[in-house]
Amino acid sequence: MSKSEATIKRLNRIEGQVRGIVRMLEENRYCIDVLHQMQAVKAALARAESEILKDHAATCVNDAIESGDTNEQQKKVEELVDLFDKLKR
C-alpha cells in the first residue's frame, strides 16, 4: 500500500468517526463522550497531516533541492514557512 493510499484509508476512517460524532449528538449522548470522540478525530487528523507533510518533504521539497533551481527551492521553503505560520494560529 502506498503512502497516499494509507493516508486516504486513514482519512476514510476519520470520516466515519465524524459521522459517528454526528450520530452521538443526534442521540443526545453524554457530552464528555462526544468530546472524547472529537479529541480522537483531532489526533487522527494530526497524524494524517504529519504523514502528508513527511511525504511532501521526501518528494516535493527533495525534488526542488535536487533540481538545483534556486527559485523552486525558495518557493518550497516559503510554502513550509507559510504552513508553519498558519499552524501557530
PDB file of N, CA and C in Angstrom:
ATOM      1  N   MET A   1       0.862  -1.178   0.000  1.00  0.00           N
ATOM      2  CA  MET A   1       0.000   0.000   0.000  1.00  0.00           C
ATOM      3  C   MET A   1       0.907   1.238   0.000  1.00  0.00           C
ATOM      4  N   SER A   2       0.639   2.169  -0.912  1.00  0.00           N
ATOM      5  CA  SER A   2       1.441   3.392  -0.979  1.00  0.00           C
ATOM      6  C   SER A   2       1.100   4.310   0.190  1.00  0.00           C
ATOM      7  N   LYS A   3       1.974   5.305   0.392  1.00  0.00           N
ATOM      8  CA  LYS A   3       1.734   6.255   1.481  1.00  0.00           C
ATOM      9  C   LYS A   3       0.421   6.998   1.278  1.00  0.00           C
ATOM     10  N   SER A   4       0.147   7.400   0.029  1.00  0.00           N
ATOM     11  CA  SER A   4      -1.099   8.137  -0.207  1.00  0.00           C
ATOM     12  C   SER A   4      -2.315   7.241   0.007  1.00  0.00           C
ATOM     13  N   GLU A   5      -2.207   5.964  -0.358  1.00  0.00           N
ATOM     14  CA  GLU A   5      -3.320   5.041  -0.114  1.00  0.00           C
ATOM     15  C   GLU A   5      -3.557   4.872   1.384  1.00  0.00           C
ATOM     16  N   ALA A   6      -2.469   4.796   2.155  1.00  0.00           N
ATOM     17  CA  ALA A   6      -2.592   4.664   3.607  1.00  0.00           C
ATOM     18  C   ALA A   6      -3.231   5.917   4.202  1.00  0.00           C
ATOM     19  N   THR A   7      -2.857   7.075   3.685  1.00  0.00           N
ATOM     20  CA  THR A   7      -3.435   8.332   4.182  1.00  0.00           C
ATOM     21  C   THR A   7      -4.907   8.426   3.818  1.00  0.00           C
ATOM     22  N   ILE A   8      -5.264   8.013   2.620  1.00  0.00           N
ATOM     23  CA  ILE A   8      -6.671   8.015   2.210  1.00  0.00           C
ATOM     24  C   ILE A   8      -7.473   7.073   3.103  1.00  0.00           C
ATOM     25  N   LYS A   9      -6.915   5.906   3.393  1.00  0.00           N
ATOM     26  CA  LYS A   9      -7.591   4.954   4.272  1.00  0.00           C
ATOM     27  C   LYS A   9      -7.791   5.578   5.658  1.00  0.00           C
ATOM     28  N   ARG A  10      -6.758   6.254   6.153  1.00  0.00           N
ATOM     29  CA  ARG A  10      -6.854   6.918   7.457  1.00  0.00           C
ATOM     30  C   ARG A  10      -7.935   7.993   7.427  1.00  0.00           C
ATOM     31  N   LEU A  11      -7.976   8.790   6.361  1.00  0.00           N
ATOM     32  CA  LEU A  11      -8.985   9.854   6.251  1.00  0.00           C
ATOM     33  C   LEU A  11     -10.395   9.283   6.140  1.00  0.00           C
ATOM     34  N   ASN A  12     -10.532   8.145   5.483  1.00  0.00           N
ATOM     35  CA  ASN A  12     -11.848   7.499   5.413  1.00  0.00           C
ATOM     36  C   ASN A  12     -12.300   7.048   6.801  1.00  0.00           C
ATOM     37  N   ARG A  13     -11.348   6.547   7.620  1.00  0.00           N
ATOM     38  CA  ARG A  13     -11.700   6.181   8.999  1.00  0.00           C
ATOM     39  C   ARG A  13     -12.121   7.414   9.788  1.00  0.00           C
ATOM     40  N   ILE A  14     -11.403   8.514   9.574  1.00  0.00           N
ATOM     41  CA  ILE A  14     -11.739   9.761  10.266  1.00  0.00           C
ATOM     42  C   ILE A  14     -13.135  10.221   9.855  1.00  0.00           C
ATOM     43  N   GLU A  15     -13.441  10.104   8.579  1.00  0.00           N
ATOM     44  CA  GLU A  15     -14.777  10.466   8.099  1.00  0.00           C
ATOM     45  C   GLU A  15     -15.840   9.659   8.843  1.00  0.00           C
ATOM     46  N   GLY A  16     -15.584   8.371   9.022  1.00  0.00           N
ATOM     47  CA  GLY A  16     -16.512   7.522   9.769  1.00  0.00           C
ATOM     48  C   GLY A  16     -16.633   7.962  11.218  1.00  0.00           C
ATOM     49  N   GLN A  17     -15.513   8.357  11.810  1.00  0.00           N
ATOM     50  CA  GLN A  17     -15.551   8.837  13.191  1.00  0.00           C
ATOM     51  C   GLN A  17     -16.401  10.105  13.295  1.00  0.00           C
ATOM     52  N   VAL A  18     -16.261  11.004  12.324  1.00  0.00           N
ATOM     53  CA  VAL A  18     -17.043  12.251  12.347  1.00  0.00           C
ATOM     54  C   VAL A  18     -18.526  11.934  12.202  1.00  0.00           C
ATOM     55  N   ARG A  19     -18.871  11.006  11.316  1.00  0.00           N
ATOM     56  CA  ARG A  19     -20.277  10.602  11.191  1.00  0.00           C
ATOM     57  C   ARG A  19     -20.781  10.021  12.504  1.00  0.00           C
ATOM     58  N   GLY A  20     -19.911   9.271  13.196  1.00  0.00           N
ATOM     59  CA  GLY A  20     -20.276   8.726  14.497  1.00  0.00           C
ATOM     60  C   GLY A  20     -20.547   9.822  15.521  1.00  0.00           C
ATOM     61  N   ILE A  21     -19.773  10.889  15.475  1.00  0.00           N
ATOM     62  CA  ILE A  21     -19.990  12.012  16.383  1.00  0.00           C
ATOM     63  C   ILE A  21     -21.336  12.669  16.100  1.00  0.00           C
ATOM     64  N   VAL A  22     -21.665  12.819  14.830  1.00  0.00           N
ATOM     65  CA  VAL A  22     -22.965  13.388  14.467  1.00  0.00           C
ATOM     66  C   VAL A  22     -24.082  12.526  15.043  1.00  0.00           C
ATOM     67  N   ARG A  23     -23.963  11.200  14.891  1.00  0.00           N
ATOM     68  CA  ARG A  23     -24.971  10.293  15.446  1.00  0.00           C
ATOM     69  C   ARG A  23     -25.060  10.443  16.962  1.00  0.00           C
ATOM     70  N   MET A  24     -23.912  10.559  17.604  1.00  0.00           N
ATOM     71  CA  MET A  24     -23.905  10.727  19.061  1.00  0.00           C
ATOM     72  C   MET A  24     -24.682  11.979  19.460  1.00  0.00           C
ATOM     73  N   LEU A  25     -24.479  13.059  18.716  1.00  0.00           N
ATOM     74  CA  LEU A  25     -25.190  14.301  19.018  1.00  0.00           C
ATOM     75  C   LEU A  25     -26.687  14.148  18.761  1.00  0.00           C
ATOM     76  N   GLU A  26     -27.025  13.473  17.666  1.00  0.00           N
ATOM     77  CA  GLU A  26     -28.444  13.244  17.354  1.00  0.00           C
ATOM     78  C   GLU A  26     -29.116  12.396  18.430  1.00  0.00           C
ATOM     79  N   GLU A  27     -28.352  11.502  19.039  1.00  0.00           N
ATOM     80  CA  GLU A  27     -28.886  10.626  20.086  1.00  0.00           C
ATOM     81  C   GLU A  27     -28.761  11.240  21.477  1.00  0.00           C
ATOM     82  N   ASN A  28     -28.325  12.507  21.522  1.00  0.00           N
ATOM     83  CA  ASN A  28     -28.148  13.213  22.801  1.00  0.00           C
ATOM     84  C   ASN A  28     -27.261  12.451  23.772  1.00  0.00           C
ATOM     85  N   ARG A  29     -26.155  11.932  23.246  1.00  0.00           N
ATOM     86  CA  ARG A  29     -25.206  11.197  24.089  1.00  0.00           C
ATOM     87  C   ARG A  29     -24.502  12.151  25.040  1.00  0.00           C
ATOM     88  N   TYR A  30     -23.936  11.616  26.068  1.00  0.00           N
ATOM     89  CA  TYR A  30     -23.248  12.367  27.106  1.00  0.00           C
ATOM     90  C   TYR A  30     -22.134  13.222  26.479  1.00  0.00           C
ATOM     91  N   CYS A  31     -22.139  14.495  26.843  1.00  0.00           N
ATOM     92  CA  CYS A  31     -21.233  15.475  26.236  1.00  0.00           C
ATOM     93  C   CYS A  31     -19.766  15.061  26.318  1.00  0.00           C
ATOM     94  N   ILE A  32     -19.361  14.539  27.446  1.00  0.00           N
ATOM     95  CA  ILE A  32     -17.958  14.151  27.624  1.00  0.00           C
ATOM     96  C   ILE A  32     -17.583  13.029  26.660  1.00  0.00           C
ATOM     97  N   ASP A  33     -18.509  12.096  26.423  1.00  0.00           N
ATOM     98  CA  ASP A  33     -18.245  11.031  25.450  1.00  0.00           C
ATOM     99  C   ASP A  33     -18.061  11.616  24.055  1.00  0.00           C
ATOM    100  N   VAL A  34     -18.876  12.592  23.707  1.00  0.00           N
ATOM    101  CA  VAL A  34     -18.755  13.248  22.401  1.00  0.00           C
ATOM    102  C   VAL A  34     -17.409  13.961  22.310  1.00  0.00           C
ATOM    103  N   LEU A  35     -17.052  14.661  23.372  1.00  0.00           N
ATOM    104  CA  LEU A  35     -15.782  15.387  23.370  1.00  0.00           C
ATOM    105  C   LEU A  35     -14.583  14.444  23.268  1.00  0.00           C
ATOM    106  N   HIS A  36     -14.673  13.276  23.902  1.00  0.00           N
ATOM    107  CA  HIS A  36     -13.589  12.291  23.769  1.00  0.00           C
ATOM    108  C   HIS A  36     -13.447  11.848  22.315  1.00  0.00           C
ATOM    109  N   GLN A  37     -14.558  11.633  21.666  1.00  0.00           N
ATOM    110  CA  GLN A  37     -14.509  11.228  20.258  1.00  0.00           C
ATOM    111  C   GLN A  37     -13.949  12.355  19.386  1.00  0.00           C
ATOM    112  N   MET A  38     -14.295  13.588  19.718  1.00  0.00           N
ATOM    113  CA  MET A  38     -13.762  14.725  18.960  1.00  0.00           C
ATOM    114  C   MET A  38     -12.246  14.820  19.140  1.00  0.00           C
ATOM    115  N   GLN A  39     -11.758  14.551  20.357  1.00  0.00           N
ATOM    116  CA  GLN A  39     -10.315  14.543  20.599  1.00  0.00           C
ATOM    117  C   GLN A  39      -9.636  13.458  19.764  1.00  0.00           C
ATOM    118  N   ALA A  40     -10.284  12.311  19.649  1.00  0.00           N
ATOM    119  CA  ALA A  40      -9.734  11.214  18.853  1.00  0.00           C
ATOM    120  C   ALA A  40      -9.638  11.612  17.379  1.00  0.00           C
ATOM    121  N   VAL A  41     -10.647  12.313  16.893  1.00  0.00           N
ATOM    122  CA  VAL A  41     -10.633  12.771  15.497  1.00  0.00           C
ATOM    123  C   VAL A  41      -9.506  13.775  15.287  1.00  0.00           C
ATOM    124  N   LYS A  42      -9.357  14.701  16.214  1.00  0.00           N
ATOM    125  CA  LYS A  42      -8.294  15.697  16.090  1.00  0.00           C
ATOM    126  C   LYS A  42      -6.920  15.031  16.085  1.00  0.00           C
ATOM    127  N   ALA A  43      -6.732  14.040  16.935  1.00  0.00           N
ATOM    128  CA  ALA A  43      -5.456  13.324  16.974  1.00  0.00           C
ATOM    129  C   ALA A  43      -5.214  12.572  15.665  1.00  0.00           C
ATOM    130  N   ALA A  44      -6.252  11.948  15.143  1.00  0.00           N
ATOM    131  CA  ALA A  44      -6.123  11.207  13.883  1.00  0.00           C
ATOM    132  C   ALA A  44      -5.811  12.154  12.725  1.00  0.00           C
ATOM    133  N   LEU A  45      -6.442  13.320  12.714  1.00  0.00           N
ATOM    134  CA  LEU A  45      -6.152  14.315  11.677  1.00  0.00           C
ATOM    135  C   LEU A  45      -4.714  14.811  11.788  1.00  0.00           C
ATOM    136  N   ALA A  46      -4.235  14.998  13.005  1.00  0.00           N
ATOM    137  CA  ALA A  46      -2.854  15.441  13.202  1.00  0.00           C
ATOM    138  C   ALA A  46      -1.878  14.396  12.663  1.00  0.00           C
ATOM    139  N   ARG A  47      -2.182  13.115  12.873  1.00  0.00           N
ATOM    140  CA  ARG A  47      -1.314  12.059  12.345  1.00  0.00           C
ATOM    141  C   ARG A  47      -1.338  12.050  10.819  1.00  0.00           C
ATOM    142  N   ALA A  48      -2.507  12.229  10.234  1.00  0.00           N
ATOM    143  CA  ALA A  48      -2.611  12.274   8.774  1.00  0.00           C
ATOM    144  C   ALA A  48      -1.848  13.485   8.233  1.00  0.00           C
ATOM    145  N   GLU A  49      -2.001  14.604   8.896  1.00  0.00           N
ATOM    146  CA  GLU A  49      -1.298  15.819   8.488  1.00  0.00           C
ATOM    147  C   GLU A  49       0.215  15.597   8.534  1.00  0.00           C
ATOM    148  N   SER A  50       0.680  14.956   9.574  1.00  0.00           N
ATOM    149  CA  SER A  50       2.105  14.674   9.717  1.00  0.00           C
ATOM    150  C   SER A  50       2.613  13.784   8.588  1.00  0.00           C
ATOM    151  N   GLU A  51       1.846  12.776   8.240  1.00  0.00           N
ATOM    152  CA  GLU A  51       2.240  11.881   7.150  1.00  0.00           C
ATOM    153  C   GLU A  51       2.311  12.623   5.817  1.00  0.00           C
ATOM    154  N   ILE A  52       1.350  13.486   5.567  1.00  0.00           N
ATOM    155  CA  ILE A  52       1.355  14.252   4.314  1.00  0.00           C
ATOM    156  C   ILE A  52       2.549  15.199   4.287  1.00  0.00           C
ATOM    157  N   LEU A  53       2.847  15.828   5.410  1.00  0.00           N
ATOM    158  CA  LEU A  53       3.993  16.729   5.485  1.00  0.00           C
ATOM    159  C   LEU A  53       5.304  15.971   5.251  1.00  0.00           C
ATOM    160  N   LYS A  54       5.433  14.792   5.865  1.00  0.00           N
ATOM    161  CA  LYS A  54       6.635  13.972   5.651  1.00  0.00           C
ATOM    162  C   LYS A  54       6.779  13.603   4.177  1.00  0.00           C
ATOM    163  N   ASP A  55       5.667  13.235   3.566  1.00  0.00           N
ATOM    164  CA  ASP A  55       5.689  12.869   2.153  1.00  0.00           C
ATOM    165  C   ASP A  55       6.079  14.067   1.296  1.00  0.00           C
ATOM    166  N   HIS A  56       5.569  15.237   1.640  1.00  0.00           N
ATOM    167  CA  HIS A  56       5.904  16.458   0.904  1.00  0.00           C
ATOM    168  C   HIS A  56       7.408  16.729   0.993  1.00  0.00           C
ATOM    169  N   ALA A  57       7.962  16.599   2.184  1.00  0.00           N
ATOM    170  CA  ALA A  57       9.392  16.836   2.361  1.00  0.00           C
ATOM    171  C   ALA A  57      10.220  15.811   1.585  1.00  0.00           C
ATOM    172  N   ALA A  58       9.768  14.560   1.588  1.00  0.00           N
ATOM    173  CA  ALA A  58      10.513  13.492   0.924  1.00  0.00           C
ATOM    174  C   ALA A  58      10.417  13.557  -0.592  1.00  0.00           C
ATOM    175  N   THR A  59       9.371  14.185  -1.093  1.00  0.00           N
ATOM    176  CA  THR A  59       9.195  14.213  -2.553  1.00  0.00           C
ATOM    177  C   THR A  59       9.358  15.628  -3.101  1.00  0.00           C
ATOM    178  N   CYS A  60       8.398  16.476  -2.866  1.00  0.00           N
ATOM    179  CA  CYS A  60       8.375  17.810  -3.474  1.00  0.00           C
ATOM    180  C   CYS A  60       9.580  18.659  -3.066  1.00  0.00           C
ATOM    181  N   VAL A  61       9.854  18.715  -1.778  1.00  0.00           N
ATOM    182  CA  VAL A  61      10.981  19.531  -1.302  1.00  0.00           C
ATOM    183  C   VAL A  61      12.293  18.918  -1.780  1.00  0.00           C
ATOM    184  N   ASN A  62      12.413  17.612  -1.657  1.00  0.00           N
ATOM    185  CA  ASN A  62      13.626  16.939  -2.110  1.00  0.00           C
ATOM    186  C   ASN A  62      13.855  17.137  -3.601  1.00  0.00           C
ATOM    187  N   ASP A  63      12.795  17.060  -4.401  1.00  0.00           N
ATOM    188  CA  ASP A  63      12.916  17.290  -5.846  1.00  0.00           C
ATOM    189  C   ASP A  63      13.422  18.699  -6.140  1.00  0.00           C
ATOM    190  N   ALA A  64      12.922  19.674  -5.390  1.00  0.00           N
ATOM    191  CA  ALA A  64      13.369  21.057  -5.580  1.00  0.00           C
ATOM    192  C   ALA A  64      14.849  21.198  -5.240  1.00  0.00           C
ATOM    193  N   ILE A  65      15.276  20.530  -4.185  1.00  0.00           N
ATOM    194  CA  ILE A  65      16.689  20.592  -3.788  1.00  0.00           C
ATOM    195  C   ILE A  65      17.558  19.955  -4.870  1.00  0.00           C
ATOM    196  N   GLU A  66      17.149  18.778  -5.319  1.00  0.00           N
ATOM    197  CA  GLU A  66      17.937  18.063  -6.330  1.00  0.00           C
ATOM    198  C   GLU A  66      17.949  18.769  -7.678  1.00  0.00           C
ATOM    199  N   SER A  67      16.915  19.569  -7.957  1.00  0.00           N
ATOM    200  CA  SER A  67      16.854  20.255  -9.254  1.00  0.00           C
ATOM    201  C   SER A  67      17.923  21.324  -9.392  1.00  0.00           C
ATOM    202  N   GLY A  68      18.385  21.859  -8.260  1.00  0.00           N
ATOM    203  CA  GLY A  68      19.364  22.936  -8.309  1.00  0.00           C
ATOM    204  C   GLY A  68      18.758  24.285  -8.661  1.00  0.00           C
ATOM    205  N   ASP A  69      17.446  24.320  -8.878  1.00  0.00           N
ATOM    206  CA  ASP A  69      16.728  25.555  -9.221  1.00  0.00           C
ATOM    207  C   ASP A  69      16.475  26.348  -7.943  1.00  0.00           C
ATOM    208  N   THR A  70      17.234  27.426  -7.750  1.00  0.00           N
ATOM    209  CA  THR A  70      17.116  28.188  -6.503  1.00  0.00           C
ATOM    210  C   THR A  70      15.742  28.821  -6.343  1.00  0.00           C
ATOM    211  N   ASN A  71      15.096  29.202  -7.435  1.00  0.00           N
ATOM    212  CA  ASN A  71      13.743  29.766  -7.338  1.00  0.00           C
ATOM    213  C   ASN A  71      12.765  28.722  -6.815  1.00  0.00           C
ATOM    214  N   GLU A  72      12.862  27.515  -7.320  1.00  0.00           N
ATOM    215  CA  GLU A  72      11.985  26.425  -6.873  1.00  0.00           C
ATOM    216  C   GLU A  72      12.285  26.072  -5.415  1.00  0.00           C
ATOM    217  N   GLN A  73      13.540  26.053  -5.062  1.00  0.00           N
ATOM    218  CA  GLN A  73      13.921  25.772  -3.675  1.00  0.00           C
ATOM    219  C   GLN A  73      13.341  26.827  -2.741  1.00  0.00           C
ATOM    220  N   GLN A  74      13.477  28.095  -3.120  1.00  0.00           N
ATOM    221  CA  GLN A  74      12.954  29.187  -2.297  1.00  0.00           C
ATOM    222  C   GLN A  74      11.440  29.091  -2.161  1.00  0.00           C
ATOM    223  N   LYS A  75      10.767  28.720  -3.252  1.00  0.00           N
ATOM    224  CA  LYS A  75       9.310  28.570  -3.233  1.00  0.00           C
ATOM    225  C   LYS A  75       8.891  27.503  -2.221  1.00  0.00           C
ATOM    226  N   LYS A  76       9.592  26.372  -2.212  1.00  0.00           N
ATOM    227  CA  LYS A  76       9.249  25.285  -1.279  1.00  0.00           C
ATOM    228  C   LYS A  76       9.491  25.708   0.164  1.00  0.00           C
ATOM    229  N   VAL A  77      10.575  26.438   0.403  1.00  0.00           N
ATOM    230  CA  VAL A  77      10.854  26.922   1.756  1.00  0.00           C
ATOM    231  C   VAL A  77       9.750  27.879   2.199  1.00  0.00           C
ATOM    232  N   GLU A  78       9.349  28.794   1.314  1.00  0.00           N
ATOM    233  CA  GLU A  78       8.284  29.750   1.641  1.00  0.00           C
ATOM    234  C   GLU A  78       6.967  29.037   1.928  1.00  0.00           C
ATOM    235  N   GLU A  79       6.669  27.988   1.156  1.00  0.00           N
ATOM    236  CA  GLU A  79       5.444  27.218   1.409  1.00  0.00           C
ATOM    237  C   GLU A  79       5.461  26.623   2.816  1.00  0.00           C
ATOM    238  N   LEU A  80       6.595  26.065   3.207  1.00  0.00           N
ATOM    239  CA  LEU A  80       6.693  25.464   4.542  1.00  0.00           C
ATOM    240  C   LEU A  80       6.594  26.520   5.639  1.00  0.00           C
ATOM    241  N   VAL A  81       7.244  27.656   5.439  1.00  0.00           N
ATOM    242  CA  VAL A  81       7.170  28.731   6.433  1.00  0.00           C
ATOM    243  C   VAL A  81       5.727  29.208   6.573  1.00  0.00           C
ATOM    244  N   ASP A  82       5.045  29.402   5.454  1.00  0.00           N
ATOM    245  CA  ASP A  82       3.640  29.815   5.493  1.00  0.00           C
ATOM    246  C   ASP A  82       2.781  28.782   6.221  1.00  0.00           C
ATOM    247  N   LEU A  83       3.032  27.514   5.951  1.00  0.00           N
ATOM    248  CA  LEU A  83       2.264  26.452   6.618  1.00  0.00           C
ATOM    249  C   LEU A  83       2.488  26.485   8.124  1.00  0.00           C
ATOM    250  N   PHE A  84       3.728  26.599   8.542  1.00  0.00           N
ATOM    251  CA  PHE A  84       4.020  26.627   9.980  1.00  0.00           C
ATOM    252  C   PHE A  84       3.454  27.881  10.637  1.00  0.00           C
ATOM    253  N   ASP A  85       3.427  29.007   9.925  1.00  0.00           N
ATOM    254  CA  ASP A  85       2.787  30.210  10.455  1.00  0.00           C
ATOM    255  C   ASP A  85       1.305  29.971  10.704  1.00  0.00           C
ATOM    256  N   LYS A  86       0.642  29.303   9.770  1.00  0.00           N
ATOM    257  CA  LYS A  86      -0.789  29.021   9.926  1.00  0.00           C
ATOM    258  C   LYS A  86      -1.034  28.049  11.074  1.00  0.00           C
ATOM    259  N   LEU A  87      -0.121  27.111  11.280  1.00  0.00           N
ATOM    260  CA  LEU A  87      -0.286  26.151  12.375  1.00  0.00           C
ATOM    261  C   LEU A  87      -0.208  26.816  13.738  1.00  0.00           C
ATOM    262  N   LYS A  88       0.520  27.910  13.835  1.00  0.00           N
ATOM    263  CA  LYS A  88       0.659  28.610  15.116  1.00  0.00           C
ATOM    264  C   LYS A  88      -0.608  29.358  15.515  1.00  0.00           C
ATOM    265  N   ARG A  89      -1.470  29.645  14.568  1.00  0.00           N
ATOM    266  CA  ARG A  89      -2.674  30.436  14.845  1.00  0.00           C
ATOM    267  C   ARG A  89      -3.714  29.646  15.568  1.00  0.00           C
TER     268      ARG A  89
END
